[in-house]
N, C-alpha and C. Protein backbone atom coordinates (compact mmCIF):
# COMPACT_ATOMS: atom_id res chain seq x y z
N MET A 1 -35.48 7.22 -0.25
CA MET A 1 -35.05 7.78 -1.52
C MET A 1 -33.66 7.25 -1.86
N ARG A 2 -33.51 6.68 -3.01
CA ARG A 2 -32.24 6.12 -3.44
C ARG A 2 -31.44 7.19 -4.17
N MET A 3 -30.12 7.03 -4.14
CA MET A 3 -29.25 8.02 -4.77
C MET A 3 -28.17 7.32 -5.59
N LYS A 4 -27.60 8.09 -6.52
CA LYS A 4 -26.51 7.59 -7.35
C LYS A 4 -25.24 7.49 -6.52
N ILE A 5 -24.27 6.77 -7.05
CA ILE A 5 -23.02 6.57 -6.33
C ILE A 5 -22.31 7.89 -6.05
N SER A 6 -22.39 8.83 -6.98
CA SER A 6 -21.73 10.13 -6.75
C SER A 6 -22.36 10.85 -5.57
N ASP A 7 -23.68 10.74 -5.42
CA ASP A 7 -24.36 11.37 -4.29
C ASP A 7 -24.04 10.64 -2.99
N ALA A 8 -23.97 9.32 -3.05
CA ALA A 8 -23.61 8.53 -1.86
C ALA A 8 -22.17 8.85 -1.44
N ALA A 9 -21.29 9.04 -2.42
CA ALA A 9 -19.90 9.38 -2.12
C ALA A 9 -19.84 10.74 -1.42
N ALA A 10 -20.55 11.70 -1.96
CA ALA A 10 -20.55 13.04 -1.35
C ALA A 10 -21.15 13.01 0.06
N ALA A 11 -22.21 12.27 0.24
CA ALA A 11 -22.90 12.22 1.53
C ALA A 11 -22.09 11.46 2.58
N SER A 12 -21.28 10.51 2.15
CA SER A 12 -20.55 9.67 3.10
C SER A 12 -19.10 10.10 3.31
N GLY A 13 -18.57 10.87 2.37
CA GLY A 13 -17.16 11.24 2.44
C GLY A 13 -16.23 10.19 1.87
N CYS A 14 -16.79 9.17 1.24
CA CYS A 14 -15.99 8.12 0.61
C CYS A 14 -15.87 8.40 -0.89
N HIS A 15 -14.73 8.09 -1.44
CA HIS A 15 -14.53 8.22 -2.88
C HIS A 15 -15.32 7.13 -3.61
N LEU A 16 -15.74 7.40 -4.82
CA LEU A 16 -16.50 6.43 -5.61
C LEU A 16 -15.79 5.08 -5.72
N GLU A 17 -14.50 5.11 -6.03
CA GLU A 17 -13.75 3.86 -6.17
C GLU A 17 -13.67 3.12 -4.85
N THR A 18 -13.63 3.86 -3.76
CA THR A 18 -13.59 3.23 -2.44
C THR A 18 -14.90 2.51 -2.17
N ILE A 19 -16.00 3.12 -2.54
CA ILE A 19 -17.31 2.48 -2.37
C ILE A 19 -17.37 1.19 -3.19
N ARG A 20 -16.91 1.25 -4.42
CA ARG A 20 -16.90 0.04 -5.26
C ARG A 20 -16.01 -1.04 -4.62
N TYR A 21 -14.87 -0.62 -4.10
CA TYR A 21 -13.96 -1.55 -3.44
C TYR A 21 -14.64 -2.20 -2.23
N TYR A 22 -15.30 -1.40 -1.40
CA TYR A 22 -15.99 -1.95 -0.24
C TYR A 22 -17.06 -2.96 -0.65
N GLU A 23 -17.69 -2.75 -1.79
CA GLU A 23 -18.65 -3.73 -2.31
C GLU A 23 -17.93 -5.01 -2.72
N ARG A 24 -16.79 -4.85 -3.42
CA ARG A 24 -16.05 -6.03 -3.89
C ARG A 24 -15.56 -6.89 -2.73
N VAL A 25 -15.13 -6.25 -1.62
CA VAL A 25 -14.59 -7.02 -0.49
C VAL A 25 -15.65 -7.39 0.53
N GLY A 26 -16.91 -7.04 0.25
CA GLY A 26 -18.01 -7.47 1.09
C GLY A 26 -18.31 -6.62 2.31
N LEU A 27 -17.69 -5.45 2.44
CA LEU A 27 -18.05 -4.57 3.55
C LEU A 27 -19.39 -3.89 3.30
N MET A 28 -19.68 -3.69 2.04
CA MET A 28 -20.98 -3.13 1.63
C MET A 28 -21.73 -4.22 0.86
N PRO A 29 -23.03 -4.29 1.06
CA PRO A 29 -23.80 -5.25 0.26
C PRO A 29 -23.81 -4.80 -1.20
N PRO A 30 -24.04 -5.72 -2.11
CA PRO A 30 -24.13 -5.30 -3.51
C PRO A 30 -25.22 -4.24 -3.67
N SER A 31 -24.90 -3.20 -4.41
CA SER A 31 -25.87 -2.11 -4.57
C SER A 31 -26.99 -2.53 -5.51
N MET A 32 -28.11 -1.88 -5.31
CA MET A 32 -29.21 -2.08 -6.27
C MET A 32 -28.80 -1.37 -7.56
N ARG A 33 -29.38 -1.79 -8.65
CA ARG A 33 -29.04 -1.20 -9.95
C ARG A 33 -30.31 -0.66 -10.61
N THR A 34 -30.11 0.42 -11.35
CA THR A 34 -31.21 0.93 -12.16
C THR A 34 -31.34 0.05 -13.39
N GLY A 35 -32.36 0.28 -14.17
CA GLY A 35 -32.56 -0.48 -15.40
C GLY A 35 -31.38 -0.35 -16.34
N SER A 36 -30.68 0.78 -16.28
CA SER A 36 -29.53 0.98 -17.15
C SER A 36 -28.21 0.54 -16.49
N GLY A 37 -28.31 -0.05 -15.30
CA GLY A 37 -27.13 -0.63 -14.67
C GLY A 37 -26.38 0.26 -13.68
N TYR A 38 -26.88 1.47 -13.44
CA TYR A 38 -26.21 2.35 -12.49
C TYR A 38 -26.49 1.91 -11.05
N ARG A 39 -25.47 2.01 -10.20
CA ARG A 39 -25.63 1.70 -8.79
C ARG A 39 -26.51 2.76 -8.12
N THR A 40 -27.34 2.30 -7.18
CA THR A 40 -28.12 3.24 -6.36
C THR A 40 -27.99 2.83 -4.91
N TYR A 41 -28.09 3.81 -4.04
CA TYR A 41 -27.87 3.61 -2.61
C TYR A 41 -28.99 4.24 -1.80
N ALA A 42 -29.33 3.55 -0.71
CA ALA A 42 -30.34 4.04 0.23
C ALA A 42 -29.63 4.80 1.35
N PRO A 43 -30.37 5.59 2.12
CA PRO A 43 -29.76 6.28 3.27
C PRO A 43 -29.03 5.32 4.22
N ALA A 44 -29.55 4.12 4.40
CA ALA A 44 -28.88 3.14 5.28
C ALA A 44 -27.50 2.76 4.72
N ASP A 45 -27.37 2.72 3.41
CA ASP A 45 -26.07 2.43 2.79
C ASP A 45 -25.08 3.56 3.08
N VAL A 46 -25.55 4.79 3.02
CA VAL A 46 -24.69 5.94 3.31
C VAL A 46 -24.25 5.89 4.78
N GLU A 47 -25.15 5.53 5.66
CA GLU A 47 -24.78 5.40 7.08
C GLU A 47 -23.72 4.32 7.27
N ARG A 48 -23.86 3.23 6.55
CA ARG A 48 -22.87 2.15 6.64
C ARG A 48 -21.52 2.64 6.12
N LEU A 49 -21.53 3.40 5.03
CA LEU A 49 -20.29 3.97 4.50
C LEU A 49 -19.65 4.92 5.50
N ARG A 50 -20.45 5.72 6.17
CA ARG A 50 -19.93 6.63 7.19
C ARG A 50 -19.31 5.84 8.35
N PHE A 51 -19.96 4.75 8.73
CA PHE A 51 -19.45 3.87 9.80
C PHE A 51 -18.07 3.34 9.40
N ILE A 52 -17.97 2.86 8.17
CA ILE A 52 -16.70 2.32 7.67
C ILE A 52 -15.64 3.41 7.64
N ALA A 53 -16.01 4.57 7.11
CA ALA A 53 -15.06 5.68 7.00
C ALA A 53 -14.56 6.12 8.38
N ARG A 54 -15.46 6.19 9.35
CA ARG A 54 -15.06 6.57 10.71
C ARG A 54 -14.14 5.51 11.31
N GLY A 55 -14.44 4.25 11.05
CA GLY A 55 -13.56 3.18 11.52
C GLY A 55 -12.17 3.31 10.93
N ARG A 56 -12.10 3.64 9.65
CA ARG A 56 -10.79 3.82 8.99
C ARG A 56 -10.06 5.01 9.60
N GLU A 57 -10.79 6.11 9.90
CA GLU A 57 -10.18 7.27 10.54
C GLU A 57 -9.56 6.91 11.88
N LEU A 58 -10.18 5.97 12.58
CA LEU A 58 -9.68 5.53 13.88
C LEU A 58 -8.60 4.44 13.74
N GLY A 59 -8.27 4.10 12.50
CA GLY A 59 -7.19 3.17 12.24
C GLY A 59 -7.56 1.70 12.26
N PHE A 60 -8.85 1.39 12.33
CA PHE A 60 -9.25 -0.02 12.31
C PHE A 60 -8.95 -0.60 10.94
N SER A 61 -8.50 -1.84 10.92
CA SER A 61 -8.26 -2.53 9.65
C SER A 61 -9.61 -2.89 9.04
N LEU A 62 -9.59 -3.28 7.78
CA LEU A 62 -10.85 -3.68 7.13
C LEU A 62 -11.45 -4.90 7.82
N GLU A 63 -10.60 -5.82 8.28
CA GLU A 63 -11.13 -7.00 8.98
C GLU A 63 -11.74 -6.62 10.32
N GLU A 64 -11.11 -5.68 11.02
CA GLU A 64 -11.70 -5.21 12.28
C GLU A 64 -13.03 -4.52 12.02
N ILE A 65 -13.09 -3.73 10.96
CA ILE A 65 -14.34 -3.06 10.61
C ILE A 65 -15.40 -4.09 10.23
N ARG A 66 -14.99 -5.14 9.53
CA ARG A 66 -15.93 -6.21 9.18
C ARG A 66 -16.52 -6.81 10.47
N SER A 67 -15.67 -7.04 11.46
CA SER A 67 -16.15 -7.57 12.75
C SER A 67 -17.09 -6.59 13.44
N LEU A 68 -16.71 -5.32 13.43
CA LEU A 68 -17.55 -4.30 14.06
C LEU A 68 -18.89 -4.17 13.35
N LEU A 69 -18.89 -4.29 12.04
CA LEU A 69 -20.15 -4.24 11.29
C LEU A 69 -21.05 -5.42 11.66
N ARG A 70 -20.45 -6.61 11.78
CA ARG A 70 -21.24 -7.78 12.20
C ARG A 70 -21.84 -7.54 13.58
N LEU A 71 -21.02 -7.00 14.48
CA LEU A 71 -21.51 -6.72 15.82
C LEU A 71 -22.60 -5.64 15.80
N ASN A 72 -22.41 -4.65 14.96
CA ASN A 72 -23.40 -3.57 14.84
C ASN A 72 -24.72 -4.08 14.25
N ASP A 73 -24.62 -5.02 13.34
CA ASP A 73 -25.81 -5.52 12.64
C ASP A 73 -26.59 -6.56 13.43
N ASP A 74 -26.00 -7.12 14.49
CA ASP A 74 -26.67 -8.17 15.26
C ASP A 74 -27.04 -7.63 16.64
N PRO A 75 -28.31 -7.28 16.85
CA PRO A 75 -28.73 -6.69 18.13
C PRO A 75 -28.62 -7.66 19.31
N LYS A 76 -28.46 -8.95 19.03
CA LYS A 76 -28.36 -9.94 20.12
C LYS A 76 -26.97 -9.96 20.76
N LEU A 77 -25.97 -9.42 20.05
CA LEU A 77 -24.61 -9.46 20.57
C LEU A 77 -24.41 -8.38 21.62
N SER A 78 -23.46 -8.62 22.48
CA SER A 78 -23.18 -7.74 23.60
C SER A 78 -22.19 -6.64 23.23
N CYS A 79 -22.30 -5.54 23.93
CA CYS A 79 -21.32 -4.47 23.78
C CYS A 79 -19.94 -4.95 24.20
N CYS A 80 -19.89 -5.96 25.05
CA CYS A 80 -18.60 -6.54 25.48
C CYS A 80 -17.83 -7.06 24.27
N ASP A 81 -18.53 -7.59 23.29
CA ASP A 81 -17.87 -8.09 22.08
C ASP A 81 -17.19 -6.94 21.33
N VAL A 82 -17.86 -5.80 21.28
CA VAL A 82 -17.30 -4.61 20.64
C VAL A 82 -16.09 -4.13 21.43
N ASP A 83 -16.22 -4.15 22.75
CA ASP A 83 -15.15 -3.72 23.63
C ASP A 83 -13.88 -4.53 23.38
N VAL A 84 -14.01 -5.83 23.19
CA VAL A 84 -12.85 -6.70 22.94
C VAL A 84 -12.12 -6.26 21.67
N VAL A 85 -12.86 -5.98 20.60
CA VAL A 85 -12.25 -5.55 19.35
C VAL A 85 -11.56 -4.19 19.55
N ALA A 86 -12.23 -3.26 20.21
CA ALA A 86 -11.67 -1.93 20.41
C ALA A 86 -10.42 -1.97 21.29
N ARG A 87 -10.44 -2.78 22.35
CA ARG A 87 -9.28 -2.87 23.23
C ARG A 87 -8.08 -3.51 22.51
N ALA A 88 -8.33 -4.50 21.70
CA ALA A 88 -7.24 -5.12 20.93
C ALA A 88 -6.64 -4.10 19.96
N HIS A 89 -7.49 -3.31 19.34
CA HIS A 89 -7.02 -2.28 18.41
C HIS A 89 -6.21 -1.22 19.16
N LEU A 90 -6.68 -0.82 20.33
CA LEU A 90 -5.96 0.17 21.13
C LEU A 90 -4.59 -0.36 21.54
N ALA A 91 -4.52 -1.62 21.93
CA ALA A 91 -3.23 -2.22 22.29
C ALA A 91 -2.28 -2.19 21.09
N ASP A 92 -2.80 -2.47 19.91
CA ASP A 92 -1.99 -2.43 18.69
C ASP A 92 -1.48 -1.01 18.44
N ILE A 93 -2.32 -0.01 18.64
CA ILE A 93 -1.91 1.38 18.45
C ILE A 93 -0.79 1.72 19.42
N HIS A 94 -0.92 1.30 20.68
CA HIS A 94 0.12 1.58 21.67
C HIS A 94 1.45 0.93 21.25
N GLN A 95 1.40 -0.28 20.71
CA GLN A 95 2.62 -0.94 20.24
C GLN A 95 3.25 -0.17 19.09
N ARG A 96 2.41 0.32 18.18
CA ARG A 96 2.93 1.10 17.06
C ARG A 96 3.55 2.41 17.54
N ILE A 97 2.92 3.04 18.54
CA ILE A 97 3.47 4.29 19.09
C ILE A 97 4.84 4.02 19.71
N GLU A 98 4.96 2.92 20.45
CA GLU A 98 6.26 2.57 21.05
C GLU A 98 7.31 2.35 19.96
N ALA A 99 6.93 1.66 18.90
CA ALA A 99 7.87 1.43 17.80
C ALA A 99 8.25 2.76 17.13
N LEU A 100 7.29 3.64 16.93
CA LEU A 100 7.58 4.95 16.34
C LEU A 100 8.49 5.77 17.25
N ASN A 101 8.27 5.71 18.56
CA ASN A 101 9.13 6.44 19.50
C ASN A 101 10.56 5.91 19.46
N ARG A 102 10.72 4.59 19.30
CA ARG A 102 12.07 4.02 19.15
C ARG A 102 12.72 4.54 17.87
N MET A 103 11.95 4.61 16.79
CA MET A 103 12.48 5.12 15.52
C MET A 103 12.90 6.58 15.67
N VAL A 104 12.06 7.38 16.34
CA VAL A 104 12.38 8.79 16.56
C VAL A 104 13.70 8.91 17.31
N GLY A 105 13.85 8.14 18.37
CA GLY A 105 15.07 8.19 19.16
C GLY A 105 16.30 7.84 18.35
N GLU A 106 16.20 6.78 17.58
CA GLU A 106 17.35 6.35 16.77
C GLU A 106 17.68 7.38 15.69
N LEU A 107 16.67 7.91 15.02
CA LEU A 107 16.93 8.93 13.99
C LEU A 107 17.51 10.19 14.60
N GLU A 108 17.00 10.61 15.75
CA GLU A 108 17.56 11.79 16.41
C GLU A 108 19.02 11.55 16.78
N ARG A 109 19.32 10.34 17.24
CA ARG A 109 20.70 10.00 17.62
C ARG A 109 21.64 10.08 16.42
N VAL A 110 21.28 9.42 15.31
CA VAL A 110 22.19 9.41 14.16
C VAL A 110 22.27 10.78 13.49
N ILE A 111 21.16 11.50 13.46
CA ILE A 111 21.20 12.86 12.89
C ILE A 111 22.07 13.76 13.76
N GLY A 112 21.97 13.59 15.08
CA GLY A 112 22.79 14.38 16.00
C GLY A 112 24.28 14.09 15.84
N GLN A 113 24.63 12.90 15.39
CA GLN A 113 26.04 12.53 15.20
C GLN A 113 26.55 12.96 13.83
N CYS A 114 25.66 13.40 12.98
CA CYS A 114 26.06 13.77 11.61
C CYS A 114 26.87 15.06 11.64
N ALA A 115 28.05 14.99 11.06
CA ALA A 115 28.92 16.16 11.00
C ALA A 115 28.80 16.89 9.68
N GLY A 116 28.02 16.34 8.76
CA GLY A 116 27.85 16.99 7.46
C GLY A 116 29.09 16.91 6.58
N GLY A 117 29.93 15.93 6.84
CA GLY A 117 31.19 15.81 6.07
C GLY A 117 31.03 14.95 4.84
N GLU A 118 32.04 14.17 4.59
CA GLU A 118 32.10 13.30 3.41
C GLU A 118 31.06 12.19 3.50
N ARG A 119 30.54 11.81 2.35
CA ARG A 119 29.53 10.77 2.31
C ARG A 119 30.04 9.46 2.90
N GLY A 120 31.27 9.12 2.69
CA GLY A 120 31.84 7.88 3.19
C GLY A 120 31.82 7.79 4.71
N ALA A 121 31.81 8.92 5.38
CA ALA A 121 31.80 8.95 6.85
C ALA A 121 30.43 9.34 7.40
N CYS A 122 29.45 9.29 6.58
CA CYS A 122 28.10 9.72 6.99
C CYS A 122 27.53 8.75 8.03
N THR A 123 27.23 9.28 9.21
CA THR A 123 26.68 8.42 10.27
C THR A 123 25.27 7.96 9.97
N ILE A 124 24.53 8.73 9.21
CA ILE A 124 23.16 8.34 8.86
C ILE A 124 23.20 7.13 7.93
N LEU A 125 24.01 7.19 6.89
CA LEU A 125 24.15 6.06 5.97
C LEU A 125 24.75 4.86 6.69
N GLY A 126 25.69 5.11 7.59
CA GLY A 126 26.30 4.04 8.36
C GLY A 126 25.28 3.32 9.23
N ALA A 127 24.37 4.08 9.83
CA ALA A 127 23.32 3.48 10.65
C ALA A 127 22.40 2.60 9.82
N LEU A 128 22.18 2.96 8.58
CA LEU A 128 21.34 2.17 7.69
C LEU A 128 22.05 0.90 7.22
N ARG A 129 23.38 0.97 7.13
CA ARG A 129 24.15 -0.21 6.70
C ARG A 129 24.32 -1.22 7.81
N HIS A 130 24.30 -0.79 9.07
CA HIS A 130 24.58 -1.67 10.22
C HIS A 130 23.37 -1.72 11.14
N THR A 131 23.16 -2.86 11.70
CA THR A 131 22.07 -3.00 12.68
C THR A 131 22.65 -2.93 14.08
N GLY A 132 21.74 -2.54 15.03
CA GLY A 132 22.08 -2.54 16.45
C GLY A 132 23.10 -1.55 16.75
């Protein structure tokens, strides 16, 4: 049973414009159209949208999701191929966490030095003006 884009959006948790965007960038195949030109989607399309949405929730980039979709769509490929993509993504997340922790430390340091005095002596603004 095919459904309209609004129904596919509700069923997948994706916004209508997001679905159109995924079609434009090739993550979703072009939708079938009714005689009057409206997009229609099959249950398999909704599953693909859910796959993409879950990938985005896990922080995968669109290119990583594109790779995962290719791997998902080809039964001949190994789970090891998926593992490589997931491990690379996890390593990237760990790097971002380290960078965020450095930012937290620096902000806590400059905020802790703030005496709340004159703007010209503001340690927070001073930290933004100077590096290291």
